[in-house]
Amino acid sequence: MTEQLTPPRAAPADPASRSGVTTVWLVAAAVTVVALVASRLNGLSRSLWWDEAFTAHRYVRGGAEIIFDPSQYYANNHVLYSLLASWTTDLLWTGDAVLRLWVVGPALAGAGLVLWWAWRRLAPAVAVTATALVVISPLAVRLQTEARGYGLVLLSASVLLVVTSRGADHPARWRDDLAVAAAGAVGMLTFPPVVTLYVAHTGVWFLRRTTHRLRLVALTAATGALTALVLRPLFGPMLDNASSVGSRAADPITWWSPIVGPFTVIGGPSFNPILPGGSSTAAAVTMVLGVAGLIALLVRSRSLAVDHPHAGFEVGLQLLASLGVSIALLGFVGFSLLDRYVAFTLPAVMIAVAAGIVAIARLATRDRPALTATAVLVVLALAGGLGAERVHAETAQPRQEFAGAVEAIRASDPATVVVRRLHVGYAWYFGRFEVDVVRTDDGAEATAAFCDGPRPAVYVPDPDREPADGPACLGDAVRHSVPQRVGDLEMVWYELP
């Protein structure tokens, strides 16, 4: 007599039960999509903060002539975004919401694409969980709504992950190769370090037996040539900036940064609001869940695998390319490990973490679909409740309220507006609202203009680096302020009636 050494497998769920679980996931997906769209469309007209204002003031206003001027280059110049925003504001109007169209639109398209793909390729549970994690992530909110190029970067990363994760039993088609090439071009023209992600994904795809290798190489070469041709005037300053920008705010990429790095720098700020212990705890939890998800996808064991094990393996390989190979290549270029610089790994991080959550839930519930769905949805509901306030705050109140301050100053109809250092945020809004400003770098001149000049007079200190020698009569002036989310939590100016 032979003993049964392996535990009995759970009986397969009946069709009615599976249909009921699928309905639950459909409802959950609908709620998640509504929450995603509502949270990203909220506050589109809020004031720009420093980075956004710098991009708008220098590049969007300056147009192609400034965008491609090497002497004007800075890392804030996300070239494709700057061009599209400049053209759009010329056609429509120069409003904060218009500047965010080319961020929110592509970001929502990328998130929707990943949801659809994960539902079909992996499992509804993974698709809904990954999208819900994006909804509750403050970092994702910033990347998907700030008036910069990260929406286009996330769309590029989403297309690269989705298309190159097609099953090995599906021969690559022309439209697949063209989609990968177009996504690579969009990403690189917006944020050149996306070249590392493009190389990583296409490199793994090249090894597949069903890939049309000659066509893939030809299109990759053409994409690289086009990108190089467009960005050629800026190559010098781009390379000069690579190792210096962000070096004071982040650690350099080292041997342990691949895989670990994206989970820590994306997971920490994403899940900090919903976990006790700060960003370090959130980063550690993200890494544990993400690694569990990678194992679930790659090992293909019954207890950890998603609904389609072979699909999971293909996806797992591309996740390793995104989280590992691209970061290693980025280190060779000299970049630091900063959330903005590895923003293109956000879709991969969320899919890996979602797969980990679902895999653990399946183990805990012995792979019973109804219990698994209940467990996962309870976790997501708790996380959503804990993170909702922080997500709302990201878009409800500006990080720096330059627009509100300038509108209030203009409403007071001052005869004189004096600044010691014209912050780029103020420069953008004073120019937009056609407010004349007296700018001086000398304390005595500031005193003469503000204290002895025409009244009512307004003095606007720099919110970041105000000189110590302000106007002598500042103590006699009335202090005004509007709230904001960073710095001293308010934007301040002074008025002499």
Protein backbone atom coordinates (compact mmCIF):
# COMPACT_ATOMS: atom_id res chain seq x y z
CA MET A 1 0.00 0.00 0.00
CA THR A 2 1.38 3.39 -1.00
CA GLU A 3 0.96 6.36 1.32
CA GLN A 4 -0.01 9.75 -0.03
CA LEU A 5 2.97 11.96 0.76
CA THR A 6 1.68 15.15 -0.82
CA PRO A 7 -1.18 17.15 0.65
CA PRO A 8 -4.48 16.82 -1.16
CA ARG A 9 -5.28 19.55 -3.63
CA ALA A 10 -8.26 21.73 -3.10
CA ALA A 11 -11.21 20.72 -5.17
CA PRO A 12 -11.76 22.96 -8.18
CA ALA A 13 -14.39 25.57 -7.72
CA ASP A 14 -17.69 25.01 -9.54
CA PRO A 15 -18.54 27.30 -12.48
CA ALA A 16 -21.19 29.21 -10.53
CA SER A 17 -18.71 29.97 -7.76
CA ARG A 18 -16.05 31.14 -10.23
CA SER A 19 -18.62 33.34 -11.99
CA GLY A 20 -19.56 34.92 -8.68
CA VAL A 21 -15.92 35.64 -7.82
CA THR A 22 -15.36 37.13 -11.28
CA THR A 23 -18.35 39.43 -10.75
CA VAL A 24 -16.86 40.55 -7.45
CA TRP A 25 -13.58 41.40 -9.17
CA LEU A 26 -15.44 43.25 -11.95
CA VAL A 27 -17.18 45.43 -9.37
CA ALA A 28 -13.89 45.97 -7.53
CA ALA A 29 -12.19 46.93 -10.80
CA ALA A 30 -14.93 49.45 -11.60
CA VAL A 31 -14.65 51.05 -8.15
CA THR A 32 -10.86 51.15 -8.44
CA VAL A 33 -10.94 52.80 -11.87
CA VAL A 34 -13.40 55.44 -10.65
CA ALA A 35 -11.17 56.15 -7.65
CA LEU A 36 -8.10 56.37 -9.89
CA VAL A 37 -9.64 58.80 -12.35
CA ALA A 38 -11.29 60.94 -9.66
CA SER A 39 -8.10 61.24 -7.62
CA ARG A 40 -6.01 62.21 -10.64
CA LEU A 41 -8.49 64.75 -12.01
CA ASN A 42 -8.87 66.40 -8.62
CA GLY A 43 -6.99 69.68 -8.28
CA LEU A 44 -5.69 69.95 -11.85
CA SER A 45 -5.78 73.73 -11.54
CA ARG A 46 -3.76 73.86 -8.31
CA SER A 47 -0.66 76.05 -8.24
CA LEU A 48 2.57 74.79 -9.73
CA TRP A 49 5.44 74.21 -7.31
CA TRP A 50 9.19 74.78 -7.90
CA ASP A 51 9.96 71.97 -10.36
CA GLU A 52 6.75 72.45 -12.33
CA ALA A 53 7.15 76.23 -12.42
CA PHE A 54 10.76 75.93 -13.58
CA THR A 55 9.70 73.73 -16.49
CA ALA A 56 6.79 75.99 -17.39
CA HIS A 57 8.66 79.27 -17.05
CA ARG A 58 11.79 78.27 -18.95
CA TYR A 59 10.75 75.61 -21.44
CA VAL A 60 6.99 75.69 -21.99
CA ARG A 61 7.01 79.48 -22.34
CA GLY A 62 10.27 79.51 -24.30
CA GLY A 63 9.21 76.88 -26.83
CA ALA A 64 11.44 74.78 -29.07
CA GLU A 65 14.12 77.47 -29.33
CA ILE A 66 14.82 77.30 -25.58
CA ILE A 67 14.05 73.58 -25.21
CA PHE A 68 16.84 72.64 -27.65
CA ASP A 69 19.31 75.32 -26.55
CA PRO A 70 22.25 73.53 -24.83
CA SER A 71 23.05 76.61 -22.75
CA GLN A 72 19.50 76.54 -21.29
CA TYR A 73 19.46 72.81 -20.51
CA TYR A 74 18.68 71.51 -17.04
CA ALA A 75 17.37 68.12 -15.92
CA ASN A 76 13.85 69.58 -15.58
CA ASN A 77 13.72 69.73 -19.37
CA HIS A 78 11.64 66.68 -20.23
CA VAL A 79 11.90 67.44 -23.92
CA LEU A 80 8.83 65.73 -25.40
CA TYR A 81 6.60 66.91 -22.55
CA SER A 82 7.94 70.46 -22.83
CA LEU A 83 7.25 70.52 -26.58
CA LEU A 84 3.74 69.09 -26.27
CA ALA A 85 2.85 71.42 -23.39
CA SER A 86 4.24 74.42 -25.28
CA TRP A 87 2.24 73.62 -28.41
CA THR A 88 -0.91 72.91 -26.37
CA THR A 89 -0.75 76.17 -24.42
CA ASP A 90 -0.26 78.04 -27.69
CA LEU A 91 -3.45 76.45 -29.06
CA LEU A 92 -5.54 76.68 -25.88
CA TRP A 93 -4.43 78.86 -22.97
CA THR A 94 -1.66 78.99 -20.39
CA GLY A 95 -3.48 77.43 -17.47
CA ASP A 96 -2.22 75.04 -14.83
CA ALA A 97 -4.79 72.42 -15.84
CA VAL A 98 -3.65 72.63 -19.48
CA LEU A 99 -0.04 72.08 -18.42
CA ARG A 100 -1.13 68.86 -16.71
CA LEU A 101 -3.03 67.43 -19.69
CA TRP A 102 0.10 65.75 -21.05
CA VAL A 103 0.76 64.19 -17.65
CA VAL A 104 -2.60 62.97 -16.42
CA GLY A 105 -3.83 61.74 -19.81
CA PRO A 106 -0.85 59.46 -20.59
CA ALA A 107 -0.62 58.32 -16.96
CA LEU A 108 -4.26 57.21 -16.89
CA ALA A 109 -3.83 55.51 -20.26
CA GLY A 110 -0.82 53.59 -18.95
CA ALA A 111 -2.61 52.55 -15.76
CA GLY A 112 -5.66 51.43 -17.73
CA LEU A 113 -3.48 49.43 -20.10
CA VAL A 114 -1.77 47.61 -17.23
CA LEU A 115 -5.14 46.84 -15.60
CA TRP A 116 -6.53 45.37 -18.81
CA TRP A 117 -3.36 43.39 -19.52
CA ALA A 118 -2.95 42.00 -15.99
CA TRP A 119 -6.61 40.94 -15.95
CA ARG A 120 -6.19 38.95 -19.16
CA ARG A 121 -2.60 37.80 -18.77
CA LEU A 122 -2.37 37.10 -15.07
CA ALA A 123 -5.49 37.20 -12.88
CA PRO A 124 -8.26 39.67 -12.00
CA ALA A 125 -7.00 39.69 -8.41
CA VAL A 126 -3.53 40.83 -9.49
CA ALA A 127 -4.96 43.42 -11.89
CA VAL A 128 -7.26 45.04 -9.33
CA THR A 129 -4.66 44.90 -6.55
CA ALA A 130 -1.94 46.52 -8.67
CA THR A 131 -4.28 49.32 -9.76
CA ALA A 132 -5.51 49.87 -6.21
CA LEU A 133 -1.92 50.18 -5.00
CA VAL A 134 -1.38 52.90 -7.61
CA VAL A 135 -4.52 54.69 -6.39
CA ILE A 136 -3.36 54.85 -2.76
CA SER A 137 0.29 55.75 -3.50
CA PRO A 138 1.14 59.42 -2.83
CA LEU A 139 4.24 59.00 -4.99
CA ALA A 140 2.13 57.72 -7.88
CA VAL A 141 -0.20 60.71 -7.45
CA ARG A 142 2.74 63.12 -7.75
CA LEU A 143 4.24 61.36 -10.75
CA GLN A 144 0.87 61.15 -12.51
CA THR A 145 -0.31 64.72 -11.88
CA GLU A 146 2.71 67.05 -11.67
CA ALA A 147 3.19 69.23 -14.76
CA ARG A 148 6.29 67.40 -15.93
CA GLY A 149 7.06 64.43 -18.15
CA TYR A 150 6.47 61.50 -15.83
CA GLY A 151 3.03 60.70 -17.23
CA LEU A 152 4.61 60.04 -20.62
CA VAL A 153 7.38 58.03 -18.94
CA LEU A 154 4.83 55.83 -17.13
CA LEU A 155 2.88 55.28 -20.36
CA SER A 156 6.11 54.26 -22.08
CA ALA A 157 7.01 51.86 -19.27
CA SER A 158 3.51 50.36 -19.27
CA VAL A 159 3.55 49.66 -23.02
CA LEU A 160 7.04 48.15 -22.84
CA LEU A 161 6.00 45.81 -20.01
CA VAL A 162 2.68 44.80 -21.57
CA VAL A 163 3.85 44.12 -25.14
CA THR A 164 7.13 42.37 -24.32
CA SER A 165 5.34 40.07 -21.84
CA ARG A 166 3.33 38.34 -24.55
CA GLY A 167 3.50 34.56 -24.29
CA ALA A 168 6.25 32.60 -26.02
CA ASP A 169 3.54 30.75 -27.96
CA HIS A 170 2.43 34.01 -29.64
CA PRO A 171 4.66 35.05 -32.55
CA ALA A 172 5.61 38.71 -32.45
CA ARG A 173 3.70 40.82 -34.97
CA TRP A 174 4.59 44.03 -36.74
CA ARG A 175 2.27 46.01 -34.50
CA ASP A 176 3.99 44.61 -31.41
CA ASP A 177 7.41 45.67 -32.64
CA LEU A 178 6.12 49.08 -33.67
CA ALA A 179 4.42 49.57 -30.29
CA VAL A 180 7.66 48.74 -28.46
CA ALA A 181 9.66 51.09 -30.69
CA ALA A 182 7.13 53.91 -30.26
CA ALA A 183 7.03 53.44 -26.49
CA GLY A 184 10.82 53.50 -26.35
CA ALA A 185 10.95 56.69 -28.40
CA VAL A 186 8.32 58.44 -26.28
CA GLY A 187 10.09 57.48 -23.07
CA MET A 188 13.60 58.41 -24.22
CA LEU A 189 12.55 61.71 -25.78
CA THR A 190 10.88 62.63 -22.49
CA PHE A 191 13.40 61.22 -20.02
CA PRO A 192 16.56 59.83 -21.69
CA PRO A 193 17.39 57.32 -18.88
CA VAL A 194 14.38 55.32 -20.14
CA VAL A 195 16.91 53.95 -22.64
CA THR A 196 17.98 51.54 -19.89
CA LEU A 197 14.42 50.20 -19.57
CA TYR A 198 14.06 49.99 -23.35
CA VAL A 199 17.29 48.02 -23.69
CA ALA A 200 16.34 45.73 -20.79
CA HIS A 201 12.90 44.83 -22.15
CA THR A 202 13.92 44.45 -25.77
CA GLY A 203 16.99 42.44 -24.72
CA VAL A 204 14.84 39.84 -22.94
CA TRP A 205 12.34 39.89 -25.79
CA PHE A 206 15.12 39.28 -28.30
CA LEU A 207 15.89 35.94 -26.61
CA ARG A 208 12.40 34.58 -27.22
CA ARG A 209 12.19 31.97 -29.95
CA THR A 210 9.05 33.54 -31.47
CA THR A 211 10.60 37.01 -31.82
CA HIS A 212 11.33 38.30 -35.31
CA ARG A 213 14.88 39.24 -34.35
CA LEU A 214 15.91 41.04 -37.54
CA ARG A 215 12.83 43.28 -37.44
CA LEU A 216 13.31 43.96 -33.72
CA VAL A 217 16.97 44.94 -34.23
CA ALA A 218 16.10 47.16 -37.19
CA LEU A 219 13.32 48.99 -35.34
CA THR A 220 15.45 49.33 -32.20
CA ALA A 221 18.26 50.85 -34.26
CA ALA A 222 15.83 53.21 -36.00
CA THR A 223 14.35 54.28 -32.64
CA GLY A 224 17.82 54.94 -31.25
CA ALA A 225 18.82 56.90 -34.34
CA LEU A 226 15.67 59.04 -34.23
CA THR A 227 16.10 59.78 -30.53
CA ALA A 228 19.78 60.63 -31.01
CA LEU A 229 18.96 62.93 -33.92
CA VAL A 230 16.30 64.84 -31.97
CA LEU A 231 18.32 65.12 -28.75
CA ARG A 232 21.75 65.62 -30.36
CA PRO A 233 22.07 69.31 -29.37
CA LEU A 234 21.51 68.39 -25.71
CA PHE A 235 23.79 65.35 -25.35
CA GLY A 236 26.67 67.30 -23.83
CA PRO A 237 24.80 68.96 -20.97
CA MET A 238 22.74 65.79 -20.41
CA LEU A 239 25.84 63.72 -19.76
CA ASP A 240 27.36 66.48 -17.62
CA ASN A 241 24.20 66.54 -15.47
CA ALA A 242 23.82 62.78 -15.13
CA SER A 243 26.13 62.26 -12.16
CA SER A 244 25.50 65.60 -10.42
CA VAL A 245 21.73 66.07 -10.43
CA GLY A 246 20.17 64.40 -7.42
CA SER A 247 23.50 63.28 -5.95
CA ARG A 248 22.89 65.38 -2.83
CA ALA A 249 19.41 64.00 -2.30
CA ALA A 250 19.93 60.28 -2.92
CA ASP A 251 22.39 57.41 -2.64
CA PRO A 252 24.42 56.28 -5.65
CA ILE A 253 23.40 53.09 -7.43
CA THR A 254 25.54 50.22 -6.13
CA TRP A 255 25.75 46.44 -6.58
CA TRP A 256 22.69 45.82 -4.38
CA SER A 257 20.47 48.45 -6.05
CA PRO A 258 19.01 46.23 -8.82
CA ILE A 259 15.74 44.65 -7.64
CA VAL A 260 16.15 46.04 -4.09
CA GLY A 261 16.43 49.69 -5.14
CA PRO A 262 13.06 50.11 -6.91
CA PHE A 263 11.19 48.34 -4.12
CA THR A 264 12.71 50.65 -1.50
CA VAL A 265 12.61 54.03 -3.25
CA ILE A 266 9.18 53.43 -4.83
CA GLY A 267 7.64 51.43 -1.98
CA GLY A 268 8.79 53.66 0.88
CA PRO A 269 7.01 56.87 -0.18
CA SER A 270 4.12 54.91 -1.74
CA PHE A 271 3.01 52.98 1.33
CA ASN A 272 4.42 55.06 4.17
CA PRO A 273 0.98 56.57 5.03
CA ILE A 274 -0.66 53.17 5.55
CA LEU A 275 2.07 51.38 7.54
CA PRO A 276 3.44 52.19 10.99
CA GLY A 277 7.17 52.70 11.34
CA GLY A 278 7.85 55.24 8.59
CA SER A 279 9.33 54.90 5.13
CA SER A 280 11.89 52.29 6.17
CA THR A 281 9.15 49.90 7.28
CA ALA A 282 7.15 50.57 4.12
CA ALA A 283 10.24 49.92 2.00
CA ALA A 284 10.94 46.63 3.80
CA VAL A 285 7.34 45.43 3.47
CA THR A 286 7.33 46.37 -0.21
CA MET A 287 10.52 44.40 -0.79
CA VAL A 288 9.17 41.30 0.97
CA LEU A 289 5.89 41.40 -0.95
CA GLY A 290 7.63 42.20 -4.23
CA VAL A 291 10.09 39.33 -3.91
CA ALA A 292 7.22 36.99 -3.00
CA GLY A 293 5.43 38.16 -6.13
CA LEU A 294 8.47 37.53 -8.31
CA ILE A 295 8.76 34.02 -6.87
CA ALA A 296 5.07 33.43 -7.50
CA LEU A 297 5.48 34.44 -11.12
CA LEU A 298 8.80 32.71 -11.85
CA VAL A 299 8.67 29.47 -9.89
CA ARG A 300 5.16 28.62 -11.00
CA SER A 301 4.43 26.39 -8.02
CA ARG A 302 0.75 25.57 -7.60
CA SER A 303 0.40 27.38 -4.30
CA LEU A 304 2.06 30.61 -5.47
CA ALA A 305 1.30 30.79 -9.19
CA VAL A 306 -1.25 33.05 -10.78
CA ASP A 307 -4.00 31.65 -12.97
CA HIS A 308 -1.75 31.10 -15.99
CA PRO A 309 1.67 29.82 -14.85
CA HIS A 310 3.38 30.16 -18.24
CA ALA A 311 2.13 33.72 -18.57
CA GLY A 312 3.41 34.42 -15.09
CA PHE A 313 6.88 33.22 -16.02
CA GLU A 314 7.01 35.50 -19.07
CA VAL A 315 5.85 38.43 -16.95
CA GLY A 316 8.35 37.58 -14.23
CA LEU A 317 11.23 37.72 -16.68
CA GLN A 318 10.21 41.17 -17.87
CA LEU A 319 9.77 42.37 -14.29
CA LEU A 320 13.33 41.27 -13.58
CA ALA A 321 14.44 43.19 -16.66
CA SER A 322 12.65 46.33 -15.45
CA LEU A 323 13.67 46.10 -11.80
CA GLY A 324 17.13 44.63 -12.23
CA VAL A 325 18.77 45.15 -15.61
CA SER A 326 17.55 48.71 -16.14
CA ILE A 327 18.74 49.83 -12.70
CA ALA A 328 22.15 48.24 -13.23
CA LEU A 329 22.48 50.06 -16.56
CA LEU A 330 21.37 53.30 -14.92
CA GLY A 331 24.18 52.90 -12.42
CA PHE A 332 26.75 52.71 -15.19
CA VAL A 333 25.54 56.08 -16.47
CA GLY A 334 26.12 57.58 -13.03
CA PHE A 335 22.59 58.29 -11.82
CA SER A 336 21.55 58.28 -8.18
CA LEU A 337 18.81 56.10 -6.72
CA LEU A 338 16.03 58.68 -6.52
CA ASP A 339 12.32 57.95 -6.92
CA ARG A 340 11.99 60.36 -9.86
CA TYR A 341 14.93 58.78 -11.70
CA VAL A 342 13.50 55.26 -11.39
CA ALA A 343 9.87 56.33 -11.87
CA PHE A 344 9.69 54.08 -14.93
CA THR A 345 9.80 51.04 -12.59
CA LEU A 346 6.50 51.99 -10.92
CA PRO A 347 4.31 49.64 -13.03
CA ALA A 348 6.71 46.74 -12.45
CA VAL A 349 6.90 47.39 -8.70
CA MET A 350 3.12 47.50 -8.36
CA ILE A 351 2.60 44.30 -10.38
CA ALA A 352 5.24 42.44 -8.34
CA VAL A 353 3.81 43.64 -5.01
CA ALA A 354 0.26 42.82 -6.13
CA ALA A 355 1.33 39.32 -7.18
CA GLY A 356 2.95 38.90 -3.75
CA ILE A 357 -0.21 39.97 -1.91
CA VAL A 358 -2.39 37.64 -3.98
CA ALA A 359 0.06 34.74 -3.65
CA ILE A 360 0.17 35.07 0.13
CA ALA A 361 -3.62 35.36 0.27
CA ARG A 362 -3.93 32.18 -1.78
CA LEU A 363 -1.59 30.33 0.54
CA ALA A 364 -3.48 31.57 3.59
CA THR A 365 -6.89 30.58 2.16
CA ARG A 366 -5.67 27.30 0.60
CA ASP A 367 -6.40 28.65 -2.86
CA ARG A 368 -10.13 29.03 -2.37
CA PRO A 369 -11.17 31.80 -4.81
CA ALA A 370 -13.97 33.28 -2.73
CA LEU A 371 -11.87 33.41 0.44
CA THR A 372 -8.88 34.76 -1.50
CA ALA A 373 -11.00 37.53 -3.00
CA THR A 374 -12.40 38.41 0.43
CA ALA A 375 -8.97 38.52 2.04
CA VAL A 376 -7.42 40.65 -0.70
CA LEU A 377 -10.34 43.08 -0.86
CA VAL A 378 -10.35 43.53 2.93
CA VAL A 379 -6.63 44.40 2.81
CA LEU A 380 -7.20 46.85 -0.05
CA ALA A 381 -10.17 48.45 1.70
CA LEU A 382 -8.13 48.98 4.88
CA ALA A 383 -5.20 50.37 2.89
CA GLY A 384 -7.52 52.66 0.95
CA GLY A 385 -9.11 53.97 4.12
CA LEU A 386 -5.75 54.66 5.75
CA GLY A 387 -4.25 56.30 2.66
CA ALA A 388 -7.24 58.27 1.35
CA GLU A 389 -6.52 61.44 3.30
CA ARG A 390 -2.88 61.59 2.18
CA VAL A 391 -3.82 60.96 -1.46
CA HIS A 392 -6.46 63.69 -1.32
CA ALA A 393 -3.97 66.10 0.24
CA GLU A 394 -1.54 65.56 -2.65
CA THR A 395 -3.94 67.21 -5.09
CA ALA A 396 -6.26 69.26 -2.89
CA GLN A 397 -3.59 71.67 -1.68
CA PRO A 398 -0.53 72.84 -3.65
CA ARG A 399 2.95 72.01 -2.46
CA GLN A 400 3.77 75.71 -2.94
CA GLU A 401 0.91 78.18 -3.38
CA PHE A 402 2.49 80.68 -5.77
CA ALA A 403 -0.73 81.16 -7.73
CA GLY A 404 -2.83 81.97 -4.66
CA ALA A 405 -0.26 84.44 -3.35
CA VAL A 406 0.07 86.28 -6.67
CA GLU A 407 -3.70 86.43 -7.16
CA ALA A 408 -4.12 87.93 -3.66
CA ILE A 409 -1.33 90.45 -4.31
CA ARG A 410 -2.87 91.47 -7.63
CA ALA A 411 -6.30 91.82 -6.00
CA SER A 412 -4.88 94.38 -3.55
CA ASP A 413 -3.88 96.54 -6.56
CA PRO A 414 -0.45 97.58 -5.22
CA ALA A 415 1.45 100.52 -6.67
CA THR A 416 4.76 98.75 -6.07
CA VAL A 417 5.74 95.05 -5.78
CA VAL A 418 9.31 94.51 -4.58
CA VAL A 419 11.29 91.25 -4.51
CA ARG A 420 14.88 90.61 -3.46
CA ARG A 421 15.19 87.33 -5.33
CA LEU A 422 12.54 86.49 -7.90
CA HIS A 423 11.71 82.84 -7.26
CA VAL A 424 10.88 80.94 -10.46
CA GLY A 425 7.38 80.19 -9.14
CA TYR A 426 6.67 83.87 -8.62
CA ALA A 427 8.30 84.70 -11.95
CA TRP A 428 5.87 82.34 -13.72
CA TYR A 429 2.72 83.73 -12.09
CA PHE A 430 3.73 87.40 -12.03
CA GLY A 431 4.37 87.08 -15.76
CA ARG A 432 1.12 85.22 -16.41
CA PHE A 433 -0.99 87.70 -14.44
CA GLU A 434 0.95 90.70 -15.85
CA VAL A 435 2.07 92.09 -12.50
CA ASP A 436 4.98 94.53 -12.70
CA VAL A 437 7.75 93.74 -10.22
CA VAL A 438 10.72 95.73 -8.92
CA ARG A 439 13.57 93.28 -8.54
CA THR A 440 16.71 94.22 -6.68
CA ASP A 441 19.68 92.33 -5.23
CA ASP A 442 20.64 95.10 -2.82
CA GLY A 443 19.15 95.57 0.66
CA ALA A 444 19.33 99.37 0.54
CA GLU A 445 17.57 99.45 -2.82
CA ALA A 446 14.86 97.13 -1.50
CA THR A 447 14.35 99.47 1.47
CA ALA A 448 14.10 102.50 -0.80
CA ALA A 449 11.64 100.85 -3.18
CA PHE A 450 9.42 99.29 -0.52
CA CYS A 451 9.62 101.75 2.39
CA ASP A 452 9.94 105.05 0.50
CA GLY A 453 8.21 104.22 -2.78
CA PRO A 454 4.59 104.61 -3.89
CA ARG A 455 1.90 103.07 -1.68
CA PRO A 456 0.35 100.58 -1.29
CA ALA A 457 3.60 98.64 -1.54
CA VAL A 458 4.09 94.88 -1.37
CA TYR A 459 7.30 93.04 -0.48
CA VAL A 460 7.57 89.38 -1.49
CA PRO A 461 10.32 87.36 0.25
CA ASP A 462 11.82 84.31 -1.45
CA PRO A 463 10.13 81.21 0.04
CA ASP A 464 13.36 79.19 -0.14
CA ARG A 465 16.42 81.41 0.36
CA GLU A 466 15.45 84.89 1.51
CA PRO A 467 18.44 87.22 2.16
CA ALA A 468 18.89 88.29 5.78
CA ASP A 469 18.93 92.03 4.98
CA GLY A 470 15.30 92.67 4.07
CA PRO A 471 13.69 96.14 3.91
CA ALA A 472 14.23 98.17 7.07
CA CYS A 473 10.52 98.95 7.55
CA LEU A 474 9.37 95.32 7.36
CA GLY A 475 8.29 95.46 11.01
CA ASP A 476 5.72 98.14 10.17
CA ALA A 477 4.17 96.15 7.33
CA VAL A 478 1.08 93.94 7.48
CA ARG A 479 1.90 90.25 7.07
CA HIS A 480 -0.27 88.20 4.70
CA SER A 481 -0.12 84.49 3.90
CA VAL A 482 -1.80 81.59 2.11
CA PRO A 483 -1.42 77.92 3.18
CA GLN A 484 0.64 75.32 1.32
CA ARG A 485 1.94 71.80 1.99
CA VAL A 486 5.73 72.20 2.18
CA GLY A 487 8.31 74.56 3.64
CA ASP A 488 6.85 76.73 6.40
CA LEU A 489 3.35 75.58 5.36
CA GLU A 490 2.41 79.02 4.12
CA MET A 491 3.39 81.53 1.46
CA VAL A 492 4.10 84.97 2.96
CA TRP A 493 4.20 88.56 1.71
CA TYR A 494 4.14 92.00 3.41
CA GLU A 495 2.10 95.11 2.63
CA LEU A 496 2.50 98.76 3.49
CA PRO A 497 -0.94 100.39 3.01
